[in-house]
Amino acid sequence: MDMQQIMEQARLMQQQLADAQDSMSETEVQAQAGGGMVKVTATADMKLTSISIDPEAVDPDDVGMLEDLVLTAVNAVLEKCNEVANSQVAGIAGGLNIPGLF
């Protein structure tokens, strides 16, 4: 393989990664906690877009429970975002383990 081919492959991979990033910003992921009492939606590029809290989850005497539900739902949606990002990048990288990519 000559240097020109390597550079062309790198340029192609860079374009594919840019396309994947665009796609991730349009892909919505949702997670919930407490049987759906707290729902969090984010884009696959890890930007939270909404948090929905069922009024029944709001108990002034137990704010800690609501905080735990929100934290659980946010962590779950971020984990799903990671999974989407990793699956998209894995196809582009062809199984290469590129440090710092994701």
C-alpha atoms as a PDB file:
ATOM      1  CA  MET A   1       0.000   0.000   0.000  1.00  0.00           C
ATOM      2  CA  ASP A   2       1.481   3.339  -0.958  1.00  0.00           C
ATOM      3  CA  MET A   3       1.234   6.599   0.957  1.00  0.00           C
ATOM      4  CA  GLN A   4      -1.418   8.033  -1.372  1.00  0.00           C
ATOM      5  CA  GLN A   5      -3.730   5.063  -0.696  1.00  0.00           C
ATOM      6  CA  ILE A   6      -3.188   5.406   3.050  1.00  0.00           C
ATOM      7  CA  MET A   7      -4.020   9.114   2.898  1.00  0.00           C
ATOM      8  CA  GLU A   8      -7.165   8.412   0.867  1.00  0.00           C
ATOM      9  CA  GLN A   9      -8.293   5.784   3.374  1.00  0.00           C
ATOM     10  CA  ALA A  10      -7.667   8.218   6.251  1.00  0.00           C
ATOM     11  CA  ARG A  11      -9.671  10.924   4.466  1.00  0.00           C
ATOM     12  CA  LEU A  12     -12.521   8.475   3.843  1.00  0.00           C
ATOM     13  CA  MET A  13     -12.521   7.367   7.485  1.00  0.00           C
ATOM     14  CA  GLN A  14     -12.528  10.989   8.633  1.00  0.00           C
ATOM     15  CA  GLN A  15     -15.586  11.695   6.452  1.00  0.00           C
ATOM     16  CA  GLN A  16     -17.360   8.595   7.758  1.00  0.00           C
ATOM     17  CA  LEU A  17     -16.680   9.681  11.346  1.00  0.00           C
ATOM     18  CA  ALA A  18     -18.060  13.159  10.611  1.00  0.00           C
ATOM     19  CA  ASP A  19     -21.178  11.585   9.082  1.00  0.00           C
ATOM     20  CA  ALA A  20     -21.578   9.353  12.149  1.00  0.00           C
ATOM     21  CA  GLN A  21     -21.328  12.379  14.449  1.00  0.00           C
ATOM     22  CA  ASP A  22     -24.052  14.124  12.449  1.00  0.00           C
ATOM     23  CA  SER A  23     -26.204  11.023  12.668  1.00  0.00           C
ATOM     24  CA  MET A  24     -25.683  10.763  16.432  1.00  0.00           C
ATOM     25  CA  SER A  25     -26.842  14.334  16.937  1.00  0.00           C
ATOM     26  CA  GLU A  26     -30.141  13.349  15.287  1.00  0.00           C
ATOM     27  CA  THR A  27     -30.586   9.974  17.002  1.00  0.00           C
ATOM     28  CA  GLU A  28     -32.722  10.127  20.145  1.00  0.00           C
ATOM     29  CA  VAL A  29     -32.286   7.675  23.003  1.00  0.00           C
ATOM     30  CA  GLN A  30     -34.602   7.351  26.004  1.00  0.00           C
ATOM     31  CA  ALA A  31     -34.273   5.717  29.413  1.00  0.00           C
ATOM     32  CA  GLN A  32     -36.509   5.600  32.434  1.00  0.00           C
ATOM     33  CA  ALA A  33     -36.453   4.828  36.132  1.00  0.00           C
ATOM     34  CA  GLY A  34     -39.035   4.024  38.756  1.00  0.00           C
ATOM     35  CA  GLY A  35     -41.268   2.138  36.352  1.00  0.00           C
ATOM     36  CA  GLY A  36     -41.452   5.123  34.030  1.00  0.00           C
ATOM     37  CA  MET A  37     -41.956   7.770  36.701  1.00  0.00           C
ATOM     38  CA  VAL A  38     -38.830   9.551  35.465  1.00  0.00           C
ATOM     39  CA  LYS A  39     -37.971   9.564  31.754  1.00  0.00           C
ATOM     40  CA  VAL A  40     -34.870  11.108  30.214  1.00  0.00           C
ATOM     41  CA  THR A  41     -34.306  11.678  26.517  1.00  0.00           C
ATOM     42  CA  ALA A  42     -30.963  12.534  24.942  1.00  0.00           C
ATOM     43  CA  THR A  43     -29.366  12.550  21.544  1.00  0.00           C
ATOM     44  CA  ALA A  44     -26.744   9.879  20.925  1.00  0.00           C
ATOM     45  CA  ASP A  45     -24.058  12.568  21.102  1.00  0.00           C
ATOM     46  CA  MET A  46     -24.894  12.843  24.834  1.00  0.00           C
ATOM     47  CA  LYS A  47     -26.976  16.019  24.902  1.00  0.00           C
ATOM     48  CA  LEU A  48     -29.975  15.782  27.211  1.00  0.00           C
ATOM     49  CA  THR A  49     -33.106  16.989  25.431  1.00  0.00           C
ATOM     50  CA  SER A  50     -35.827  16.354  28.011  1.00  0.00           C
ATOM     51  CA  ILE A  51     -36.595  15.083  31.476  1.00  0.00           C
ATOM     52  CA  SER A  52     -40.144  14.054  32.304  1.00  0.00           C
ATOM     53  CA  ILE A  53     -41.228  13.490  35.904  1.00  0.00           C
ATOM     54  CA  ASP A  54     -44.590  11.963  36.763  1.00  0.00           C
ATOM     55  CA  PRO A  55     -46.278  14.171  39.402  1.00  0.00           C
ATOM     56  CA  GLU A  56     -46.767  11.066  41.564  1.00  0.00           C
ATOM     57  CA  ALA A  57     -42.980  10.831  41.916  1.00  0.00           C
ATOM     58  CA  VAL A  58     -42.893  14.201  43.661  1.00  0.00           C
ATOM     59  CA  ASP A  59     -43.119  13.626  47.399  1.00  0.00           C
ATOM     60  CA  PRO A  60     -41.952  16.634  49.422  1.00  0.00           C
ATOM     61  CA  ASP A  61     -41.171  14.277  52.292  1.00  0.00           C
ATOM     62  CA  ASP A  62     -38.894  12.090  50.158  1.00  0.00           C
ATOM     63  CA  VAL A  63     -36.929  14.321  47.795  1.00  0.00           C
ATOM     64  CA  GLY A  64     -34.031  11.874  47.979  1.00  0.00           C
ATOM     65  CA  MET A  65     -36.042   9.204  46.156  1.00  0.00           C
ATOM     66  CA  LEU A  66     -36.797  11.593  43.279  1.00  0.00           C
ATOM     67  CA  GLU A  67     -33.141  12.605  43.092  1.00  0.00           C
ATOM     68  CA  ASP A  68     -32.159   8.916  42.899  1.00  0.00           C
ATOM     69  CA  LEU A  69     -34.693   8.262  40.132  1.00  0.00           C
ATOM     70  CA  VAL A  70     -33.429  11.213  38.078  1.00  0.00           C
ATOM     71  CA  LEU A  71     -29.811  10.154  38.571  1.00  0.00           C
ATOM     72  CA  THR A  72     -30.607   6.566  37.591  1.00  0.00           C
ATOM     73  CA  ALA A  73     -32.477   7.623  34.447  1.00  0.00           C
ATOM     74  CA  VAL A  74     -29.757  10.076  33.377  1.00  0.00           C
ATOM     75  CA  ASN A  75     -27.009   7.488  33.845  1.00  0.00           C
ATOM     76  CA  ALA A  76     -29.055   4.917  31.913  1.00  0.00           C
ATOM     77  CA  VAL A  77     -29.632   7.235  28.955  1.00  0.00           C
ATOM     78  CA  LEU A  78     -25.952   8.205  28.859  1.00  0.00           C
ATOM     79  CA  GLU A  79     -25.006   4.524  28.822  1.00  0.00           C
ATOM     80  CA  LYS A  80     -27.370   3.965  25.893  1.00  0.00           C
ATOM     81  CA  CYS A  81     -25.805   6.951  24.105  1.00  0.00           C
ATOM     82  CA  ASN A  82     -22.388   5.344  24.544  1.00  0.00           C
ATOM     83  CA  GLU A  83     -23.661   2.069  23.115  1.00  0.00           C
ATOM     84  CA  VAL A  84     -25.075   3.812  20.022  1.00  0.00           C
ATOM     85  CA  ALA A  85     -21.867   5.797  19.498  1.00  0.00           C
ATOM     86  CA  ASN A  86     -19.650   2.740  19.939  1.00  0.00           C
ATOM     87  CA  SER A  87     -21.678   0.656  17.491  1.00  0.00           C
ATOM     88  CA  GLN A  88     -21.564   3.386  14.838  1.00  0.00           C
ATOM     89  CA  VAL A  89     -17.836   3.966  15.225  1.00  0.00           C
ATOM     90  CA  ALA A  90     -17.023   0.247  15.356  1.00  0.00           C
ATOM     91  CA  GLY A  91     -18.325  -0.176  11.823  1.00  0.00           C
ATOM     92  CA  ILE A  92     -16.194   2.681  10.563  1.00  0.00           C
ATOM     93  CA  ALA A  93     -13.014   1.712  12.395  1.00  0.00           C
ATOM     94  CA  GLY A  94     -13.318  -1.866  11.165  1.00  0.00           C
ATOM     95  CA  GLY A  95     -12.678  -3.281  14.616  1.00  0.00           C
ATOM     96  CA  LEU A  96      -9.538  -1.235  15.195  1.00  0.00           C
ATOM     97  CA  ASN A  97      -9.111  -0.111  18.768  1.00  0.00           C
ATOM     98  CA  ILE A  98      -8.286   3.569  18.289  1.00  0.00           C
ATOM     99  CA  PRO A  99      -7.459   5.131  21.673  1.00  0.00           C
ATOM    100  CA  GLY A 100      -9.503   8.209  22.554  1.00  0.00           C
ATOM    101  CA  LEU A 101     -12.059   7.675  19.807  1.00  0.00           C
ATOM    102  CA  PHE A 102     -14.859   6.638  22.199  1.00  0.00           C
END
